[in-house]
Amino acid sequence: MASRSIAPFSALLFALLAAFTCARPAAAFLLITEAEAALPADPGEAHERGISRGPTLVVESPRPGAGSQTSPVTLKVKFDAHGGAAIDLDSVQLTYVKRPAIDLTKRVKPYIAASGIDTQDAEVPSGTHTIRVDVSDTRGHSSSIEISFSVAK
């Protein structure tokens, strides 16, 4: 009789395990939605780095001029603080340059470290996208960079 009372529990446990093993990889996440991509681009002001000792930001992926990407994309930006300062992780902000602007910081937060941003599976709809990255160091010096890339259909 004990085996009959365990059968429904076993079936439920098997279904839950199957659901977890068929789930997407933990690294995959939605960076930009279709609705966000459809918003008009914000031509706004160009954000240029002034003369300061702000952190150096280097875009490693998607490489500028690399041509059209496929989704999911890798978003990788290296941070390098100067003069004994460290990167202020709470200052890192990613903004999808649209009208209105979309804050992507919470979506990317798990991939942010003092060395930079490193995502592997950022899902992005087709089209041209511009993301601004703003970073400050522990001395209050800031830098920003815009990353523009296209995703093929």
N, C-alpha and C. Protein backbone atom coordinates (compact mmCIF):
# COMPACT_ATOMS: atom_id res chain seq x y z
N MET A 1 0.80 -1.19 0.00
CA MET A 1 0.00 0.00 0.00
C MET A 1 0.85 1.26 0.00
N ALA A 2 1.96 1.19 0.61
CA ALA A 2 2.83 2.37 0.68
C ALA A 2 3.28 2.79 -0.71
N SER A 3 3.47 1.82 -1.61
CA SER A 3 3.92 2.17 -2.95
C SER A 3 2.84 2.94 -3.72
N ARG A 4 1.56 2.72 -3.45
CA ARG A 4 0.49 3.46 -4.12
C ARG A 4 0.48 4.92 -3.69
N SER A 5 0.77 5.22 -2.45
CA SER A 5 0.75 6.61 -1.99
C SER A 5 1.98 7.38 -2.48
N ILE A 6 3.03 6.68 -2.84
CA ILE A 6 4.24 7.32 -3.33
C ILE A 6 4.14 7.59 -4.83
N ALA A 7 3.36 6.86 -5.56
CA ALA A 7 3.28 6.98 -7.02
C ALA A 7 2.93 8.40 -7.47
N PRO A 8 1.90 9.06 -6.93
CA PRO A 8 1.61 10.43 -7.39
C PRO A 8 2.78 11.39 -7.08
N PHE A 9 3.40 11.21 -5.92
CA PHE A 9 4.54 12.05 -5.56
C PHE A 9 5.69 11.83 -6.53
N SER A 10 5.95 10.57 -6.89
CA SER A 10 7.03 10.25 -7.83
C SER A 10 6.77 10.86 -9.19
N ALA A 11 5.53 10.82 -9.65
CA ALA A 11 5.19 11.40 -10.94
C ALA A 11 5.41 12.92 -10.92
N LEU A 12 5.01 13.55 -9.84
CA LEU A 12 5.21 15.00 -9.70
C LEU A 12 6.69 15.35 -9.68
N LEU A 13 7.47 14.59 -8.92
CA LEU A 13 8.90 14.82 -8.83
C LEU A 13 9.56 14.66 -10.20
N PHE A 14 9.17 13.61 -10.94
CA PHE A 14 9.71 13.38 -12.28
C PHE A 14 9.37 14.55 -13.20
N ALA A 15 8.14 15.06 -13.15
CA ALA A 15 7.73 16.18 -13.99
C ALA A 15 8.53 17.44 -13.67
N LEU A 16 8.75 17.70 -12.37
CA LEU A 16 9.54 18.87 -11.98
C LEU A 16 10.98 18.75 -12.45
N LEU A 17 11.58 17.59 -12.29
CA LEU A 17 12.95 17.39 -12.75
C LEU A 17 13.06 17.55 -14.26
N ALA A 18 12.08 17.04 -15.00
CA ALA A 18 12.09 17.18 -16.45
C ALA A 18 11.99 18.64 -16.85
N ALA A 19 11.17 19.40 -16.15
CA ALA A 19 11.02 20.82 -16.46
C ALA A 19 12.32 21.57 -16.23
N PHE A 20 13.03 21.25 -15.15
CA PHE A 20 14.28 21.95 -14.86
C PHE A 20 15.38 21.57 -15.84
N THR A 21 15.43 20.33 -16.29
CA THR A 21 16.48 19.92 -17.21
C THR A 21 16.23 20.43 -18.62
N CYS A 22 14.98 20.77 -18.96
CA CYS A 22 14.66 21.29 -20.28
C CYS A 22 14.68 22.81 -20.30
N ALA A 23 14.92 23.44 -19.18
CA ALA A 23 14.91 24.90 -19.11
C ALA A 23 16.11 25.47 -19.86
N ARG A 24 16.05 26.76 -20.17
CA ARG A 24 17.15 27.44 -20.83
C ARG A 24 18.38 27.46 -19.95
N PRO A 25 19.55 27.60 -20.55
CA PRO A 25 20.76 27.73 -19.73
C PRO A 25 20.65 28.94 -18.82
N ALA A 26 21.24 28.86 -17.66
CA ALA A 26 21.15 29.94 -16.67
C ALA A 26 21.73 31.24 -17.21
N ALA A 27 22.66 31.18 -18.16
CA ALA A 27 23.31 32.39 -18.65
C ALA A 27 22.44 33.16 -19.64
N ALA A 28 21.43 32.53 -20.25
CA ALA A 28 20.60 33.22 -21.23
C ALA A 28 19.64 34.18 -20.53
N PHE A 29 19.52 35.38 -21.09
CA PHE A 29 18.59 36.35 -20.54
C PHE A 29 18.17 37.31 -21.64
N LEU A 30 17.03 37.93 -21.45
CA LEU A 30 16.50 38.87 -22.44
C LEU A 30 17.05 40.25 -22.14
N LEU A 31 17.90 40.76 -23.01
CA LEU A 31 18.51 42.07 -22.81
C LEU A 31 17.60 43.19 -23.31
N ILE A 32 17.02 43.00 -24.49
CA ILE A 32 16.17 44.02 -25.10
C ILE A 32 14.93 43.33 -25.64
N THR A 33 13.75 43.88 -25.33
CA THR A 33 12.50 43.30 -25.83
C THR A 33 12.18 43.85 -27.22
N GLU A 34 11.29 43.18 -27.92
CA GLU A 34 10.84 43.65 -29.24
C GLU A 34 10.21 45.04 -29.12
N ALA A 35 9.39 45.25 -28.08
CA ALA A 35 8.72 46.54 -27.89
C ALA A 35 9.73 47.66 -27.65
N GLU A 36 10.78 47.36 -26.89
CA GLU A 36 11.82 48.37 -26.65
C GLU A 36 12.58 48.69 -27.93
N ALA A 37 12.86 47.67 -28.72
CA ALA A 37 13.60 47.86 -29.97
C ALA A 37 12.80 48.70 -30.97
N ALA A 38 11.46 48.63 -30.87
CA ALA A 38 10.61 49.37 -31.79
C ALA A 38 10.52 50.87 -31.47
N LEU A 39 10.97 51.27 -30.29
CA LEU A 39 10.94 52.69 -29.93
C LEU A 39 11.88 53.49 -30.83
N PRO A 40 11.59 54.78 -31.02
CA PRO A 40 12.49 55.58 -31.85
C PRO A 40 13.85 55.79 -31.18
N ALA A 41 14.88 55.86 -32.01
CA ALA A 41 16.23 56.11 -31.49
C ALA A 41 16.28 57.52 -30.93
N ASP A 42 17.11 57.72 -29.93
CA ASP A 42 17.29 59.03 -29.35
C ASP A 42 18.59 59.61 -29.88
N PRO A 43 18.49 60.55 -30.84
CA PRO A 43 19.71 61.13 -31.39
C PRO A 43 20.44 61.99 -30.39
N GLY A 44 19.73 62.54 -29.40
CA GLY A 44 20.27 63.31 -28.28
C GLY A 44 21.69 63.79 -28.42
N GLU A 45 22.26 64.14 -27.31
CA GLU A 45 23.64 64.63 -27.27
C GLU A 45 24.61 63.48 -27.36
N ALA A 46 25.73 63.73 -28.00
CA ALA A 46 26.80 62.74 -28.00
C ALA A 46 27.46 62.78 -26.63
N HIS A 47 27.70 61.63 -26.07
CA HIS A 47 28.36 61.55 -24.76
C HIS A 47 29.83 61.30 -25.00
N GLU A 48 30.60 62.31 -24.78
CA GLU A 48 32.04 62.18 -24.97
C GLU A 48 32.73 62.25 -23.63
N ARG A 49 33.82 61.57 -23.55
CA ARG A 49 34.61 61.57 -22.33
C ARG A 49 35.42 62.85 -22.28
N GLY A 50 35.30 63.59 -21.22
CA GLY A 50 36.08 64.81 -21.05
C GLY A 50 37.47 64.47 -20.55
N ILE A 51 38.26 65.52 -20.35
CA ILE A 51 39.60 65.30 -19.82
C ILE A 51 39.46 65.03 -18.33
N SER A 52 39.67 63.82 -17.97
CA SER A 52 39.60 63.41 -16.57
C SER A 52 40.38 62.11 -16.43
N ARG A 53 40.46 61.67 -15.24
CA ARG A 53 41.14 60.40 -15.00
C ARG A 53 40.12 59.32 -14.75
N GLY A 54 39.01 59.39 -15.46
CA GLY A 54 37.95 58.40 -15.31
C GLY A 54 38.41 57.04 -15.79
N PRO A 55 37.68 56.01 -15.44
CA PRO A 55 38.03 54.66 -15.87
C PRO A 55 38.08 54.53 -17.39
N THR A 56 38.98 53.69 -17.87
CA THR A 56 39.04 53.37 -19.28
C THR A 56 38.03 52.26 -19.55
N LEU A 57 37.23 52.43 -20.60
CA LEU A 57 36.24 51.42 -20.99
C LEU A 57 36.61 50.91 -22.38
N VAL A 58 36.75 49.61 -22.51
CA VAL A 58 37.13 49.00 -23.78
C VAL A 58 36.07 47.98 -24.17
N VAL A 59 35.45 48.18 -25.34
CA VAL A 59 34.44 47.25 -25.83
C VAL A 59 35.16 46.09 -26.51
N GLU A 60 34.98 44.89 -25.97
CA GLU A 60 35.57 43.70 -26.57
C GLU A 60 34.57 42.96 -27.45
N SER A 61 33.28 43.07 -27.10
CA SER A 61 32.25 42.41 -27.91
C SER A 61 30.91 43.07 -27.64
N PRO A 62 30.13 43.33 -28.67
CA PRO A 62 30.45 43.13 -30.08
C PRO A 62 31.49 44.16 -30.55
N ARG A 63 32.45 43.68 -31.29
CA ARG A 63 33.55 44.53 -31.76
C ARG A 63 33.01 45.58 -32.72
N PRO A 64 33.45 46.83 -32.54
CA PRO A 64 33.04 47.88 -33.47
C PRO A 64 33.45 47.52 -34.90
N GLY A 65 32.52 47.70 -35.84
CA GLY A 65 32.80 47.41 -37.24
C GLY A 65 32.81 45.94 -37.58
N ALA A 66 32.36 45.08 -36.67
CA ALA A 66 32.39 43.64 -36.91
C ALA A 66 31.26 43.17 -37.82
N GLY A 67 30.35 44.06 -38.18
CA GLY A 67 29.23 43.66 -39.03
C GLY A 67 28.07 43.15 -38.19
N SER A 68 27.12 42.58 -38.87
CA SER A 68 25.90 42.13 -38.23
C SER A 68 26.15 40.93 -37.31
N GLN A 69 25.50 40.94 -36.17
CA GLN A 69 25.60 39.86 -35.19
C GLN A 69 24.39 38.95 -35.31
N THR A 70 24.44 37.82 -34.65
CA THR A 70 23.25 36.98 -34.50
C THR A 70 22.93 36.92 -33.02
N SER A 71 21.66 36.77 -32.70
CA SER A 71 21.24 36.69 -31.31
C SER A 71 21.21 35.23 -30.89
N PRO A 72 21.64 34.92 -29.69
CA PRO A 72 22.08 35.82 -28.63
C PRO A 72 23.48 36.38 -28.90
N VAL A 73 23.73 37.58 -28.33
CA VAL A 73 25.01 38.26 -28.53
C VAL A 73 25.83 38.21 -27.24
N THR A 74 27.11 38.41 -27.40
CA THR A 74 28.01 38.55 -26.26
C THR A 74 28.26 40.04 -26.07
N LEU A 75 28.03 40.51 -24.86
CA LEU A 75 28.30 41.90 -24.52
C LEU A 75 29.43 41.88 -23.51
N LYS A 76 30.59 42.41 -23.92
CA LYS A 76 31.76 42.37 -23.05
C LYS A 76 32.48 43.72 -23.11
N VAL A 77 32.56 44.37 -21.94
CA VAL A 77 33.23 45.67 -21.82
C VAL A 77 34.20 45.57 -20.64
N LYS A 78 35.47 45.90 -20.87
CA LYS A 78 36.46 45.88 -19.80
C LYS A 78 36.53 47.24 -19.13
N PHE A 79 36.68 47.24 -17.80
CA PHE A 79 36.85 48.46 -17.01
C PHE A 79 38.28 48.49 -16.49
N ASP A 80 38.88 49.68 -16.47
CA ASP A 80 40.21 49.83 -15.90
C ASP A 80 40.27 51.17 -15.18
N ALA A 81 40.30 51.13 -13.84
CA ALA A 81 40.40 52.35 -13.04
C ALA A 81 41.86 52.80 -12.99
N HIS A 82 42.08 54.08 -12.69
CA HIS A 82 43.43 54.64 -12.69
C HIS A 82 43.77 55.29 -11.36
N GLY A 83 45.07 55.49 -11.13
CA GLY A 83 45.55 56.25 -9.99
C GLY A 83 45.18 55.69 -8.63
N GLY A 84 45.13 54.39 -8.51
CA GLY A 84 44.82 53.76 -7.22
C GLY A 84 43.34 53.69 -6.91
N ALA A 85 42.49 54.21 -7.77
CA ALA A 85 41.04 54.13 -7.56
C ALA A 85 40.55 52.74 -7.99
N ALA A 86 39.36 52.39 -7.56
CA ALA A 86 38.71 51.14 -7.96
C ALA A 86 37.40 51.49 -8.65
N ILE A 87 36.87 50.54 -9.37
CA ILE A 87 35.57 50.75 -10.02
C ILE A 87 34.49 50.72 -8.94
N ASP A 88 33.60 51.70 -8.97
CA ASP A 88 32.45 51.74 -8.06
C ASP A 88 31.34 50.93 -8.73
N LEU A 89 31.16 49.69 -8.30
CA LEU A 89 30.19 48.80 -8.94
C LEU A 89 28.77 49.35 -8.88
N ASP A 90 28.44 50.13 -7.85
CA ASP A 90 27.10 50.71 -7.76
C ASP A 90 26.88 51.82 -8.78
N SER A 91 27.94 52.31 -9.40
CA SER A 91 27.81 53.40 -10.38
C SER A 91 27.57 52.89 -11.79
N VAL A 92 27.83 51.61 -12.04
CA VAL A 92 27.72 51.08 -13.40
C VAL A 92 26.25 51.15 -13.85
N GLN A 93 26.06 51.76 -15.01
CA GLN A 93 24.71 51.89 -15.55
C GLN A 93 24.73 51.63 -17.04
N LEU A 94 23.79 50.80 -17.50
CA LEU A 94 23.62 50.53 -18.92
C LEU A 94 22.28 51.11 -19.35
N THR A 95 22.30 51.87 -20.43
CA THR A 95 21.09 52.51 -20.92
C THR A 95 20.92 52.19 -22.39
N TYR A 96 19.74 51.70 -22.75
CA TYR A 96 19.39 51.48 -24.15
C TYR A 96 18.98 52.84 -24.69
N VAL A 97 19.71 53.35 -25.68
CA VAL A 97 19.53 54.71 -26.16
C VAL A 97 18.32 54.76 -27.09
N LYS A 98 17.17 55.00 -26.48
CA LYS A 98 15.89 55.12 -27.18
C LYS A 98 15.15 56.29 -26.59
N ARG A 99 14.03 56.62 -27.17
CA ARG A 99 13.19 57.68 -26.63
C ARG A 99 11.88 57.07 -26.21
N PRO A 100 11.59 56.88 -24.96
CA PRO A 100 12.41 57.23 -23.80
C PRO A 100 13.54 56.21 -23.59
N ALA A 101 14.56 56.65 -22.88
CA ALA A 101 15.71 55.78 -22.58
C ALA A 101 15.25 54.62 -21.71
N ILE A 102 15.88 53.45 -21.89
CA ILE A 102 15.53 52.25 -21.13
C ILE A 102 16.74 51.84 -20.29
N ASP A 103 16.53 51.73 -18.99
CA ASP A 103 17.60 51.32 -18.07
C ASP A 103 17.73 49.80 -18.11
N LEU A 104 18.86 49.30 -18.59
CA LEU A 104 19.12 47.86 -18.70
C LEU A 104 19.96 47.33 -17.53
N THR A 105 20.30 48.20 -16.60
CA THR A 105 21.25 47.85 -15.54
C THR A 105 20.82 46.62 -14.75
N LYS A 106 19.57 46.55 -14.32
CA LYS A 106 19.12 45.41 -13.52
C LYS A 106 19.23 44.09 -14.28
N ARG A 107 19.01 44.14 -15.58
CA ARG A 107 19.08 42.92 -16.40
C ARG A 107 20.51 42.40 -16.51
N VAL A 108 21.48 43.31 -16.45
CA VAL A 108 22.88 42.94 -16.66
C VAL A 108 23.64 42.83 -15.34
N LYS A 109 23.05 43.27 -14.25
CA LYS A 109 23.73 43.30 -12.94
C LYS A 109 24.47 42.01 -12.59
N PRO A 110 23.90 40.82 -12.83
CA PRO A 110 24.64 39.59 -12.49
C PRO A 110 25.94 39.40 -13.27
N TYR A 111 26.11 40.15 -14.36
CA TYR A 111 27.28 39.99 -15.22
C TYR A 111 28.29 41.12 -15.04
N ILE A 112 28.08 41.98 -14.04
CA ILE A 112 28.97 43.11 -13.80
C ILE A 112 29.95 42.77 -12.68
N ALA A 113 31.23 43.03 -12.94
CA ALA A 113 32.29 42.84 -11.93
C ALA A 113 33.24 44.03 -12.02
N ALA A 114 34.17 44.12 -11.11
CA ALA A 114 35.13 45.23 -11.13
C ALA A 114 35.95 45.24 -12.42
N SER A 115 36.11 44.09 -13.03
CA SER A 115 36.88 44.01 -14.28
C SER A 115 36.05 44.40 -15.50
N GLY A 116 34.71 44.44 -15.37
CA GLY A 116 33.87 44.84 -16.50
C GLY A 116 32.56 44.08 -16.56
N ILE A 117 31.98 44.10 -17.74
CA ILE A 117 30.71 43.41 -18.01
C ILE A 117 31.03 42.25 -18.93
N ASP A 118 30.49 41.08 -18.63
CA ASP A 118 30.75 39.91 -19.46
C ASP A 118 29.50 39.04 -19.53
N THR A 119 28.71 39.23 -20.59
CA THR A 119 27.54 38.39 -20.82
C THR A 119 27.84 37.49 -22.01
N GLN A 120 27.26 36.34 -22.05
CA GLN A 120 27.47 35.43 -23.16
C GLN A 120 26.21 35.24 -24.01
N ASP A 121 25.05 35.26 -23.40
CA ASP A 121 23.81 34.92 -24.09
C ASP A 121 22.74 35.99 -23.92
N ALA A 122 23.01 37.18 -24.43
CA ALA A 122 22.05 38.28 -24.32
C ALA A 122 21.14 38.25 -25.55
N GLU A 123 19.88 37.96 -25.33
CA GLU A 123 18.93 37.89 -26.43
C GLU A 123 18.50 39.30 -26.83
N VAL A 124 18.59 39.57 -28.13
CA VAL A 124 18.31 40.89 -28.67
C VAL A 124 17.56 40.69 -29.99
N PRO A 125 16.49 41.46 -30.22
CA PRO A 125 15.78 41.33 -31.50
C PRO A 125 16.60 41.90 -32.65
N SER A 126 16.18 41.59 -33.87
CA SER A 126 16.90 42.11 -35.03
C SER A 126 16.76 43.63 -35.09
N GLY A 127 17.76 44.27 -35.69
CA GLY A 127 17.76 45.72 -35.82
C GLY A 127 19.08 46.29 -35.36
N THR A 128 19.15 47.62 -35.34
CA THR A 128 20.35 48.32 -34.88
C THR A 128 20.11 48.82 -33.47
N HIS A 129 21.07 48.61 -32.60
CA HIS A 129 20.93 48.92 -31.18
C HIS A 129 22.13 49.73 -30.69
N THR A 130 21.86 50.69 -29.80
CA THR A 130 22.92 51.46 -29.15
C THR A 130 22.71 51.41 -27.65
N ILE A 131 23.75 51.00 -26.94
CA ILE A 131 23.72 50.90 -25.49
C ILE A 131 24.83 51.79 -24.94
N ARG A 132 24.49 52.65 -23.99
CA ARG A 132 25.49 53.50 -23.33
C ARG A 132 25.86 52.87 -21.99
N VAL A 133 27.16 52.80 -21.72
CA VAL A 133 27.67 52.29 -20.46
C VAL A 133 28.32 53.46 -19.72
N ASP A 134 27.85 53.72 -18.50
CA ASP A 134 28.42 54.77 -17.65
C ASP A 134 29.05 54.11 -16.43
N VAL A 135 30.27 54.52 -16.07
CA VAL A 135 31.01 53.94 -14.95
C VAL A 135 31.75 55.05 -14.22
N SER A 136 31.78 54.95 -12.89
CA SER A 136 32.59 55.86 -12.07
C SER A 136 33.54 55.05 -11.22
N ASP A 137 34.61 55.71 -10.79
CA ASP A 137 35.53 55.05 -9.87
C ASP A 137 35.26 55.54 -8.45
N THR A 138 36.00 55.01 -7.50
CA THR A 138 35.78 55.35 -6.09
C THR A 138 36.20 56.77 -5.75
N ARG A 139 36.84 57.45 -6.69
CA ARG A 139 37.20 58.87 -6.48
C ARG A 139 36.21 59.81 -7.17
N GLY A 140 35.17 59.25 -7.76
CA GLY A 140 34.14 60.07 -8.39
C GLY A 140 34.38 60.43 -9.84
N HIS A 141 35.47 59.96 -10.44
CA HIS A 141 35.74 60.21 -11.85
C HIS A 141 34.87 59.25 -12.67
N SER A 142 34.27 59.77 -13.73
CA SER A 142 33.37 58.93 -14.52
C SER A 142 33.76 58.90 -15.99
N SER A 143 33.30 57.87 -16.66
CA SER A 143 33.50 57.68 -18.09
C SER A 143 32.25 57.03 -18.66
N SER A 144 32.05 57.20 -19.95
CA SER A 144 30.96 56.51 -20.62
C SER A 144 31.38 56.16 -22.03
N ILE A 145 30.70 55.18 -22.58
CA ILE A 145 30.97 54.74 -23.94
C ILE A 145 29.66 54.25 -24.52
N GLU A 146 29.49 54.43 -25.83
CA GLU A 146 28.30 53.92 -26.50
C GLU A 146 28.72 52.75 -27.38
N ILE A 147 27.92 51.71 -27.33
CA ILE A 147 28.16 50.50 -28.12
C ILE A 147 27.01 50.41 -29.12
N SER A 148 27.32 50.44 -30.40
CA SER A 148 26.30 50.29 -31.43
C SER A 148 26.57 49.01 -32.21
N PHE A 149 25.52 48.25 -32.46
CA PHE A 149 25.66 47.01 -33.20
C PHE A 149 24.35 46.66 -33.86
N SER A 150 24.42 45.81 -34.88
CA SER A 150 23.24 45.35 -35.59
C SER A 150 23.08 43.86 -35.40
N VAL A 151 21.83 43.44 -35.35
CA VAL A 151 21.50 42.02 -35.22
C VAL A 151 20.68 41.63 -36.45
N ALA A 152 21.12 40.59 -37.14
CA ALA A 152 20.42 40.11 -38.32
C ALA A 152 19.15 39.37 -37.94
N LYS A 153 18.24 39.31 -38.87
CA LYS A 153 16.98 38.58 -38.64
C LYS A 153 17.21 37.10 -38.61
